[in-house]
Amino acid sequence: MKTSNTILGILGAAAAGAFLGVLFAPDKGSNTRKKISDKSKDYGDNLKNKFDGIVSTISSNGKEIIEEGKAKFSQAKEDFNTLKDEAKAVKSNY
């Protein structure tokens, strides 16, 4: 949720900036619209790059966590089998 709020905040700020830019623009309307379009495209590209970076980080960290979980599970399985074998040995001695 925090990321979506940040994205909405950025988009809202960009929209407010565009509105104020048009309102107080010293250039002709067509020039101002072109500038706003170019800036919006730049912000969109920047936001996409940041989002892709976040997804990449999450993906790489997720793989590490899964591998660590698999290793811990395998260790727990080995420990269980060892205890089971020891319990069988103790039971057979009685």
PDB file of N, CA and C in Angstrom:
ATOM      1  N   MET A   1       0.817  -1.195   0.000  1.00  0.00           N
ATOM      2  CA  MET A   1       0.000   0.000   0.000  1.00  0.00           C
ATOM      3  C   MET A   1       0.860   1.258   0.000  1.00  0.00           C
ATOM      4  N   LYS A   2       1.995   1.235   0.669  1.00  0.00           N
ATOM      5  CA  LYS A   2       2.815   2.413   0.775  1.00  0.00           C
ATOM      6  C   LYS A   2       3.335   2.848  -0.595  1.00  0.00           C
ATOM      7  N   THR A   3       3.718   1.883  -1.424  1.00  0.00           N
ATOM      8  CA  THR A   3       4.217   2.198  -2.761  1.00  0.00           C
ATOM      9  C   THR A   3       3.119   2.809  -3.614  1.00  0.00           C
ATOM     10  N   SER A   4       1.905   2.275  -3.529  1.00  0.00           N
ATOM     11  CA  SER A   4       0.814   2.828  -4.330  1.00  0.00           C
ATOM     12  C   SER A   4       0.484   4.247  -3.884  1.00  0.00           C
ATOM     13  N   ASN A   5       0.569   4.528  -2.580  1.00  0.00           N
ATOM     14  CA  ASN A   5       0.332   5.886  -2.103  1.00  0.00           C
ATOM     15  C   ASN A   5       1.405   6.841  -2.615  1.00  0.00           C
ATOM     16  N   THR A   6       2.640   6.372  -2.653  1.00  0.00           N
ATOM     17  CA  THR A   6       3.734   7.192  -3.160  1.00  0.00           C
ATOM     18  C   THR A   6       3.529   7.490  -4.641  1.00  0.00           C
ATOM     19  N   ILE A   7       3.164   6.470  -5.395  1.00  0.00           N
ATOM     20  CA  ILE A   7       2.932   6.660  -6.829  1.00  0.00           C
ATOM     21  C   ILE A   7       1.788   7.638  -7.059  1.00  0.00           C
ATOM     22  N   LEU A   8       0.699   7.484  -6.298  1.00  0.00           N
ATOM     23  CA  LEU A   8      -0.425   8.406  -6.438  1.00  0.00           C
ATOM     24  C   LEU A   8      -0.012   9.831  -6.067  1.00  0.00           C
ATOM     25  N   GLY A   9       0.820   9.967  -5.051  1.00  0.00           N
ATOM     26  CA  GLY A   9       1.309  11.292  -4.659  1.00  0.00           C
ATOM     27  C   GLY A   9       2.146  11.932  -5.746  1.00  0.00           C
ATOM     28  N   ILE A  10       3.008  11.134  -6.359  1.00  0.00           N
ATOM     29  CA  ILE A  10       3.861  11.644  -7.435  1.00  0.00           C
ATOM     30  C   ILE A  10       3.007  12.072  -8.626  1.00  0.00           C
ATOM     31  N   LEU A  11       2.041  11.231  -8.998  1.00  0.00           N
ATOM     32  CA  LEU A  11       1.172  11.568 -10.125  1.00  0.00           C
ATOM     33  C   LEU A  11       0.333  12.812  -9.824  1.00  0.00           C
ATOM     34  N   GLY A  12      -0.146  12.920  -8.592  1.00  0.00           N
ATOM     35  CA  GLY A  12      -0.927  14.101  -8.202  1.00  0.00           C
ATOM     36  C   GLY A  12      -0.085  15.365  -8.266  1.00  0.00           C
ATOM     37  N   ALA A  13       1.153  15.267  -7.778  1.00  0.00           N
ATOM     38  CA  ALA A  13       2.052  16.421  -7.815  1.00  0.00           C
ATOM     39  C   ALA A  13       2.375  16.812  -9.256  1.00  0.00           C
ATOM     40  N   ALA A  14       2.575  15.807 -10.114  1.00  0.00           N
ATOM     41  CA  ALA A  14       2.850  16.090 -11.521  1.00  0.00           C
ATOM     42  C   ALA A  14       1.657  16.780 -12.181  1.00  0.00           C
ATOM     43  N   ALA A  15       0.456  16.310 -11.865  1.00  0.00           N
ATOM     44  CA  ALA A  15      -0.747  16.924 -12.439  1.00  0.00           C
ATOM     45  C   ALA A  15      -0.904  18.363 -11.947  1.00  0.00           C
ATOM     46  N   ALA A  16      -0.673  18.588 -10.660  1.00  0.00           N
ATOM     47  CA  ALA A  16      -0.781  19.949 -10.110  1.00  0.00           C
ATOM     48  C   ALA A  16       0.272  20.852 -10.748  1.00  0.00           C
ATOM     49  N   GLY A  17       1.477  20.339 -10.917  1.00  0.00           N
ATOM     50  CA  GLY A  17       2.531  21.122 -11.553  1.00  0.00           C
ATOM     51  C   GLY A  17       2.189  21.472 -12.992  1.00  0.00           C
ATOM     52  N   ALA A  18       1.619  20.511 -13.696  1.00  0.00           N
ATOM     53  CA  ALA A  18       1.226  20.768 -15.084  1.00  0.00           C
ATOM     54  C   ALA A  18       0.144  21.841 -15.147  1.00  0.00           C
ATOM     55  N   PHE A  19      -0.828  21.746 -14.254  1.00  0.00           N
ATOM     56  CA  PHE A  19      -1.909  22.730 -14.218  1.00  0.00           C
ATOM     57  C   PHE A  19      -1.355  24.126 -13.941  1.00  0.00           C
ATOM     58  N   LEU A  20      -0.501  24.229 -12.929  1.00  0.00           N
ATOM     59  CA  LEU A  20       0.074  25.539 -12.599  1.00  0.00           C
ATOM     60  C   LEU A  20       0.976  26.044 -13.727  1.00  0.00           C
ATOM     61  N   GLY A  21       1.664  25.137 -14.386  1.00  0.00           N
ATOM     62  CA  GLY A  21       2.505  25.532 -15.511  1.00  0.00           C
ATOM     63  C   GLY A  21       1.704  26.142 -16.636  1.00  0.00           C
ATOM     64  N   VAL A  22       0.567  25.541 -16.931  1.00  0.00           N
ATOM     65  CA  VAL A  22      -0.307  26.080 -17.978  1.00  0.00           C
ATOM     66  C   VAL A  22      -0.887  27.420 -17.543  1.00  0.00           C
ATOM     67  N   LEU A  23      -1.253  27.502 -16.289  1.00  0.00           N
ATOM     68  CA  LEU A  23      -1.883  28.712 -15.770  1.00  0.00           C
ATOM     69  C   LEU A  23      -0.946  29.921 -15.831  1.00  0.00           C
ATOM     70  N   PHE A  24       0.313  29.714 -15.513  1.00  0.00           N
ATOM     71  CA  PHE A  24       1.261  30.832 -15.440  1.00  0.00           C
ATOM     72  C   PHE A  24       2.293  30.820 -16.567  1.00  0.00           C
ATOM     73  N   ALA A  25       2.025  30.123 -17.625  1.00  0.00           N
ATOM     74  CA  ALA A  25       2.996  29.958 -18.708  1.00  0.00           C
ATOM     75  C   ALA A  25       3.223  31.254 -19.478  1.00  0.00           C
ATOM     76  N   PRO A  26       4.484  31.599 -19.699  1.00  0.00           N
ATOM     77  CA  PRO A  26       4.771  32.786 -20.517  1.00  0.00           C
ATOM     78  C   PRO A  26       4.801  32.463 -22.010  1.00  0.00           C
ATOM     79  N   ASP A  27       4.880  31.179 -22.363  1.00  0.00           N
ATOM     80  CA  ASP A  27       4.955  30.764 -23.769  1.00  0.00           C
ATOM     81  C   ASP A  27       3.564  30.630 -24.380  1.00  0.00           C
ATOM     82  N   LYS A  28       3.566  30.411 -25.703  1.00  0.00           N
ATOM     83  CA  LYS A  28       2.322  30.104 -26.393  1.00  0.00           C
ATOM     84  C   LYS A  28       1.798  28.769 -25.877  1.00  0.00           C
ATOM     85  N   GLY A  29       0.511  28.549 -26.036  1.00  0.00           N
ATOM     86  CA  GLY A  29      -0.123  27.326 -25.564  1.00  0.00           C
ATOM     87  C   GLY A  29       0.484  26.063 -26.161  1.00  0.00           C
ATOM     88  N   SER A  30       0.774  26.098 -27.474  1.00  0.00           N
ATOM     89  CA  SER A  30       1.326  24.902 -28.122  1.00  0.00           C
ATOM     90  C   SER A  30       2.713  24.570 -27.568  1.00  0.00           C
ATOM     91  N   ASN A  31       3.519  25.599 -27.309  1.00  0.00           N
ATOM     92  CA  ASN A  31       4.851  25.361 -26.724  1.00  0.00           C
ATOM     93  C   ASN A  31       4.730  24.812 -25.308  1.00  0.00           C
ATOM     94  N   THR A  32       3.824  25.380 -24.549  1.00  0.00           N
ATOM     95  CA  THR A  32       3.627  24.938 -23.168  1.00  0.00           C
ATOM     96  C   THR A  32       3.142  23.498 -23.131  1.00  0.00           C
ATOM     97  N   ARG A  33       2.191  23.168 -23.997  1.00  0.00           N
ATOM     98  CA  ARG A  33       1.679  21.788 -24.036  1.00  0.00           C
ATOM     99  C   ARG A  33       2.789  20.808 -24.405  1.00  0.00           C
ATOM    100  N   LYS A  34       3.657  21.194 -25.332  1.00  0.00           N
ATOM    101  CA  LYS A  34       4.780  20.336 -25.726  1.00  0.00           C
ATOM    102  C   LYS A  34       5.724  20.125 -24.546  1.00  0.00           C
ATOM    103  N   LYS A  35       6.035  21.203 -23.832  1.00  0.00           N
ATOM    104  CA  LYS A  35       6.913  21.085 -22.661  1.00  0.00           C
ATOM    105  C   LYS A  35       6.299  20.168 -21.607  1.00  0.00           C
ATOM    106  N   ILE A  36       5.009  20.340 -21.361  1.00  0.00           N
ATOM    107  CA  ILE A  36       4.328  19.508 -20.366  1.00  0.00           C
ATOM    108  C   ILE A  36       4.324  18.058 -20.813  1.00  0.00           C
ATOM    109  N   SER A  37       4.073  17.836 -22.094  1.00  0.00           N
ATOM    110  CA  SER A  37       4.069  16.479 -22.627  1.00  0.00           C
ATOM    111  C   SER A  37       5.445  15.832 -22.467  1.00  0.00           C
ATOM    112  N   ASP A  38       6.485  16.582 -22.795  1.00  0.00           N
ATOM    113  CA  ASP A  38       7.845  16.056 -22.675  1.00  0.00           C
ATOM    114  C   ASP A  38       8.194  15.750 -21.223  1.00  0.00           C
ATOM    115  N   LYS A  39       7.864  16.663 -20.312  1.00  0.00           N
ATOM    116  CA  LYS A  39       8.142  16.452 -18.888  1.00  0.00           C
ATOM    117  C   LYS A  39       7.366  15.255 -18.358  1.00  0.00           C
ATOM    118  N   SER A  40       6.109  15.143 -18.762  1.00  0.00           N
ATOM    119  CA  SER A  40       5.293  14.014 -18.307  1.00  0.00           C
ATOM    120  C   SER A  40       5.903  12.697 -18.773  1.00  0.00           C
ATOM    121  N   LYS A  41       6.374  12.688 -19.998  1.00  0.00           N
ATOM    122  CA  LYS A  41       7.011  11.485 -20.540  1.00  0.00           C
ATOM    123  C   LYS A  41       8.273  11.155 -19.744  1.00  0.00           C
ATOM    124  N   ASP A  42       9.070  12.190 -19.435  1.00  0.00           N
ATOM    125  CA  ASP A  42      10.279  11.987 -18.635  1.00  0.00           C
ATOM    126  C   ASP A  42       9.944  11.422 -17.259  1.00  0.00           C
ATOM    127  N   TYR A  43       8.938  12.003 -16.601  1.00  0.00           N
ATOM    128  CA  TYR A  43       8.530  11.513 -15.281  1.00  0.00           C
ATOM    129  C   TYR A  43       8.029  10.072 -15.377  1.00  0.00           C
ATOM    130  N   GLY A  44       7.276   9.779 -16.413  1.00  0.00           N
ATOM    131  CA  GLY A  44       6.763   8.418 -16.600  1.00  0.00           C
ATOM    132  C   GLY A  44       7.888   7.413 -16.801  1.00  0.00           C
ATOM    133  N   ASP A  45       8.863   7.782 -17.622  1.00  0.00           N
ATOM    134  CA  ASP A  45      10.014   6.902 -17.852  1.00  0.00           C
ATOM    135  C   ASP A  45      10.813   6.704 -16.566  1.00  0.00           C
ATOM    136  N   ASN A  46      11.012   7.783 -15.828  1.00  0.00           N
ATOM    137  CA  ASN A  46      11.745   7.712 -14.567  1.00  0.00           C
ATOM    138  C   ASN A  46      11.010   6.807 -13.572  1.00  0.00           C
ATOM    139  N   LEU A  47       9.696   6.978 -13.481  1.00  0.00           N
ATOM    140  CA  LEU A  47       8.893   6.167 -12.577  1.00  0.00           C
ATOM    141  C   LEU A  47       8.938   4.696 -12.982  1.00  0.00           C
ATOM    142  N   LYS A  48       8.867   4.426 -14.270  1.00  0.00           N
ATOM    143  CA  LYS A  48       8.943   3.041 -14.760  1.00  0.00           C
ATOM    144  C   LYS A  48      10.288   2.417 -14.413  1.00  0.00           C
ATOM    145  N   ASN A  49      11.375   3.168 -14.607  1.00  0.00           N
ATOM    146  CA  ASN A  49      12.705   2.653 -14.273  1.00  0.00           C
ATOM    147  C   ASN A  49      12.828   2.340 -12.782  1.00  0.00           C
ATOM    148  N   LYS A  50      12.296   3.221 -11.944  1.00  0.00           N
ATOM    149  CA  LYS A  50      12.350   2.974 -10.499  1.00  0.00           C
ATOM    150  C   LYS A  50      11.516   1.748 -10.138  1.00  0.00           C
ATOM    151  N   PHE A  51      10.354   1.625 -10.740  1.00  0.00           N
ATOM    152  CA  PHE A  51       9.488   0.474 -10.469  1.00  0.00           C
ATOM    153  C   PHE A  51      10.170  -0.818 -10.901  1.00  0.00           C
ATOM    154  N   ASP A  52      10.790  -0.806 -12.083  1.00  0.00           N
ATOM    155  CA  ASP A  52      11.511  -1.989 -12.562  1.00  0.00           C
ATOM    156  C   ASP A  52      12.650  -2.351 -11.612  1.00  0.00           C
ATOM    157  N   GLY A  53      13.335  -1.346 -11.076  1.00  0.00           N
ATOM    158  CA  GLY A  53      14.406  -1.595 -10.113  1.00  0.00           C
ATOM    159  C   GLY A  53      13.882  -2.231  -8.840  1.00  0.00           C
ATOM    160  N   ILE A  54      12.735  -1.765  -8.373  1.00  0.00           N
ATOM    161  CA  ILE A  54      12.131  -2.324  -7.156  1.00  0.00           C
ATOM    162  C   ILE A  54      11.724  -3.767  -7.400  1.00  0.00           C
ATOM    163  N   VAL A  55      11.103  -4.032  -8.537  1.00  0.00           N
ATOM    164  CA  VAL A  55      10.684  -5.402  -8.866  1.00  0.00           C
ATOM    165  C   VAL A  55      11.902  -6.310  -8.962  1.00  0.00           C
ATOM    166  N   SER A  56      12.976  -5.825  -9.574  1.00  0.00           N
ATOM    167  CA  SER A  56      14.202  -6.617  -9.701  1.00  0.00           C
ATOM    168  C   SER A  56      14.790  -6.937  -8.329  1.00  0.00           C
ATOM    169  N   THR A  57      14.812  -5.952  -7.444  1.00  0.00           N
ATOM    170  CA  THR A  57      15.328  -6.159  -6.088  1.00  0.00           C
ATOM    171  C   THR A  57      14.493  -7.185  -5.345  1.00  0.00           C
ATOM    172  N   ILE A  58      13.182  -7.067  -5.458  1.00  0.00           N
ATOM    173  CA  ILE A  58      12.292  -8.011  -4.788  1.00  0.00           C
ATOM    174  C   ILE A  58      12.493  -9.413  -5.343  1.00  0.00           C
ATOM    175  N   SER A  59      12.649  -9.525  -6.645  1.00  0.00           N
ATOM    176  CA  SER A  59      12.848 -10.830  -7.273  1.00  0.00           C
ATOM    177  C   SER A  59      14.136 -11.486  -6.795  1.00  0.00           C
ATOM    178  N   SER A  60      15.223 -10.732  -6.777  1.00  0.00           N
ATOM    179  CA  SER A  60      16.498 -11.326  -6.359  1.00  0.00           C
ATOM    180  C   SER A  60      16.472 -11.682  -4.878  1.00  0.00           C
ATOM    181  N   ASN A  61      15.889 -10.821  -4.042  1.00  0.00           N
ATOM    182  CA  ASN A  61      15.799 -11.127  -2.614  1.00  0.00           C
ATOM    183  C   ASN A  61      14.877 -12.311  -2.377  1.00  0.00           C
ATOM    184  N   GLY A  62      13.819 -12.418  -3.147  1.00  0.00           N
ATOM    185  CA  GLY A  62      12.881 -13.526  -3.007  1.00  0.00           C
ATOM    186  C   GLY A  62      13.548 -14.857  -3.296  1.00  0.00           C
ATOM    187  N   LYS A  63      14.407 -14.890  -4.304  1.00  0.00           N
ATOM    188  CA  LYS A  63      15.116 -16.127  -4.642  1.00  0.00           C
ATOM    189  C   LYS A  63      16.039 -16.544  -3.503  1.00  0.00           C
ATOM    190  N   GLU A  64      16.721 -15.565  -2.907  1.00  0.00           N
ATOM    191  CA  GLU A  64      17.605 -15.859  -1.783  1.00  0.00           C
ATOM    192  C   GLU A  64      16.824 -16.409  -0.603  1.00  0.00           C
ATOM    193  N   ILE A  65      15.686 -15.821  -0.331  1.00  0.00           N
ATOM    194  CA  ILE A  65      14.857 -16.264   0.787  1.00  0.00           C
ATOM    195  C   ILE A  65      14.355 -17.685   0.538  1.00  0.00           C
ATOM    196  N   ILE A  66      13.954 -17.974  -0.676  1.00  0.00           N
ATOM    197  CA  ILE A  66      13.461 -19.317  -1.009  1.00  0.00           C
ATOM    198  C   ILE A  66      14.584 -20.341  -0.852  1.00  0.00           C
ATOM    199  N   GLU A  67      15.772 -20.008  -1.338  1.00  0.00           N
ATOM    200  CA  GLU A  67      16.901 -20.929  -1.215  1.00  0.00           C
ATOM    201  C   GLU A  67      17.248 -21.164   0.256  1.00  0.00           C
ATOM    202  N   GLU A  68      17.220 -20.107   1.047  1.00  0.00           N
ATOM    203  CA  GLU A  68      17.497 -20.244   2.484  1.00  0.00           C
ATOM    204  C   GLU A  68      16.430 -21.110   3.148  1.00  0.00           C
ATOM    205  N   GLY A  69      15.183 -20.919   2.771  1.00  0.00           N
ATOM    206  CA  GLY A  69      14.091 -21.730   3.318  1.00  0.00           C
ATOM    207  C   GLY A  69      14.241 -23.199   2.950  1.00  0.00           C
ATOM    208  N   LYS A  70      14.638 -23.471   1.710  1.00  0.00           N
ATOM    209  CA  LYS A  70      14.850 -24.852   1.275  1.00  0.00           C
ATOM    210  C   LYS A  70      15.976 -25.500   2.083  1.00  0.00           C
ATOM    211  N   ALA A  71      17.051 -24.759   2.305  1.00  0.00           N
ATOM    212  CA  ALA A  71      18.183 -25.289   3.068  1.00  0.00           C
ATOM    213  C   ALA A  71      17.765 -25.601   4.503  1.00  0.00           C
ATOM    214  N   LYS A  72      16.999 -24.695   5.112  1.00  0.00           N
ATOM    215  CA  LYS A  72      16.534 -24.924   6.487  1.00  0.00           C
ATOM    216  C   LYS A  72      15.580 -26.108   6.542  1.00  0.00           C
ATOM    217  N   PHE A  73      14.727 -26.244   5.552  1.00  0.00           N
ATOM    218  CA  PHE A  73      13.804 -27.376   5.513  1.00  0.00           C
ATOM    219  C   PHE A  73      14.573 -28.686   5.396  1.00  0.00           C
ATOM    220  N   SER A  74      15.578 -28.711   4.514  1.00  0.00           N
ATOM    221  CA  SER A  74      16.391 -29.920   4.350  1.00  0.00           C
ATOM    222  C   SER A  74      17.108 -30.274   5.645  1.00  0.00           C
ATOM    223  N   GLN A  75      17.631 -29.269   6.337  1.00  0.00           N
ATOM    224  CA  GLN A  75      18.308 -29.508   7.608  1.00  0.00           C
ATOM    225  C   GLN A  75      17.330 -30.046   8.647  1.00  0.00           C
ATOM    226  N   ALA A  76      16.142 -29.475   8.704  1.00  0.00           N
ATOM    227  CA  ALA A  76      15.130 -29.948   9.648  1.00  0.00           C
ATOM    228  C   ALA A  76      14.726 -31.383   9.335  1.00  0.00           C
ATOM    229  N   LYS A  77      14.625 -31.705   8.062  1.00  0.00           N
ATOM    230  CA  LYS A  77      14.280 -33.069   7.642  1.00  0.00           C
ATOM    231  C   LYS A  77      15.374 -34.052   8.068  1.00  0.00           C
ATOM    232  N   GLU A  78      16.630 -33.657   7.880  1.00  0.00           N
ATOM    233  CA  GLU A  78      17.743 -34.506   8.305  1.00  0.00           C
ATOM    234  C   GLU A  78      17.733 -34.699   9.821  1.00  0.00           C
ATOM    235  N   ASP A  79      17.503 -33.610  10.549  1.00  0.00           N
ATOM    236  CA  ASP A  79      17.445 -33.698  12.013  1.00  0.00           C
ATOM    237  C   ASP A  79      16.315 -34.622  12.453  1.00  0.00           C
ATOM    238  N   PHE A  80      15.170 -34.515  11.812  1.00  0.00           N
ATOM    239  CA  PHE A  80      14.031 -35.373  12.150  1.00  0.00           C
ATOM    240  C   PHE A  80      14.370 -36.839  11.893  1.00  0.00           C
ATOM    241  N   ASN A  81      14.964 -37.118  10.741  1.00  0.00           N
ATOM    242  CA  ASN A  81      15.329 -38.502  10.420  1.00  0.00           C
ATOM    243  C   ASN A  81      16.357 -39.051  11.409  1.00  0.00           C
ATOM    244  N   THR A  82      17.297 -38.223  11.839  1.00  0.00           N
ATOM    245  CA  THR A  82      18.279 -38.648  12.828  1.00  0.00           C
ATOM    246  C   THR A  82      17.595 -38.985  14.149  1.00  0.00           C
ATOM    247  N   LEU A  83      16.699 -38.115  14.595  1.00  0.00           N
ATOM    248  CA  LEU A  83      15.965 -38.370  15.838  1.00  0.00           C
ATOM    249  C   LEU A  83      15.106 -39.623  15.724  1.00  0.00           C
ATOM    250  N   LYS A  84      14.488 -39.799  14.580  1.00  0.00           N
ATOM    251  CA  LYS A  84      13.650 -40.982  14.356  1.00  0.00           C
ATOM    252  C   LYS A  84      14.492 -42.252  14.450  1.00  0.00           C
ATOM    253  N   ASP A  85      15.666 -42.248  13.821  1.00  0.00           N
ATOM    254  CA  ASP A  85      16.551 -43.408  13.865  1.00  0.00           C
ATOM    255  C   ASP A  85      17.030 -43.677  15.291  1.00  0.00           C
ATOM    256  N   GLU A  86      17.347 -42.613  16.021  1.00  0.00           N
ATOM    257  CA  GLU A  86      17.773 -42.774  17.416  1.00  0.00           C
ATOM    258  C   GLU A  86      16.638 -43.347  18.266  1.00  0.00           C
ATOM    259  N   ALA A  87      15.412 -42.870  18.012  1.00  0.00           N
ATOM    260  CA  ALA A  87      14.263 -43.378  18.770  1.00  0.00           C
ATOM    261  C   ALA A  87      14.039 -44.858  18.473  1.00  0.00           C
ATOM    262  N   LYS A  88      14.202 -45.247  17.241  1.00  0.00           N
ATOM    263  CA  LYS A  88      14.058 -46.658  16.865  1.00  0.00           C
ATOM    264  C   LYS A  88      15.127 -47.513  17.557  1.00  0.00           C
ATOM    265  N   ALA A  89      16.347 -46.980  17.623  1.00  0.00           N
ATOM    266  CA  ALA A  89      17.449 -47.720  18.267  1.00  0.00           C
ATOM    267  C   ALA A  89      17.169 -47.882  19.759  1.00  0.00           C
ATOM    268  N   VAL A  90      16.682 -46.828  20.387  1.00  0.00           N
ATOM    269  CA  VAL A  90      16.376 -46.894  21.822  1.00  0.00           C
ATOM    270  C   VAL A  90      15.225 -47.886  22.036  1.00  0.00           C
ATOM    271  N   LYS A  91      14.223 -47.842  21.204  1.00  0.00           N
ATOM    272  CA  LYS A  91      13.050 -48.745  21.333  1.00  0.00           C
ATOM    273  C   LYS A  91      13.479 -50.209  21.169  1.00  0.00           C
ATOM    274  N   SER A  92      14.373 -50.454  20.215  1.00  0.00           N
ATOM    275  CA  SER A  92      14.794 -51.853  19.995  1.00  0.00           C
ATOM    276  C   SER A  92      15.654 -52.392  21.143  1.00  0.00           C
ATOM    277  N   ASN A  93      16.277 -51.514  21.921  1.00  0.00           N
ATOM    278  CA  ASN A  93      17.075 -51.942  23.065  1.00  0.00           C
ATOM    279  C   ASN A  93      16.203 -52.360  24.244  1.00  0.00           C
ATOM    280  N   TYR A  94      14.944 -51.976  24.256  1.00  0.00           N
ATOM    281  CA  TYR A  94      14.074 -52.344  25.385  1.00  0.00           C
ATOM    282  C   TYR A  94      13.330 -53.562  25.087  1.00  0.00           C
TER     283      TYR A  94
END
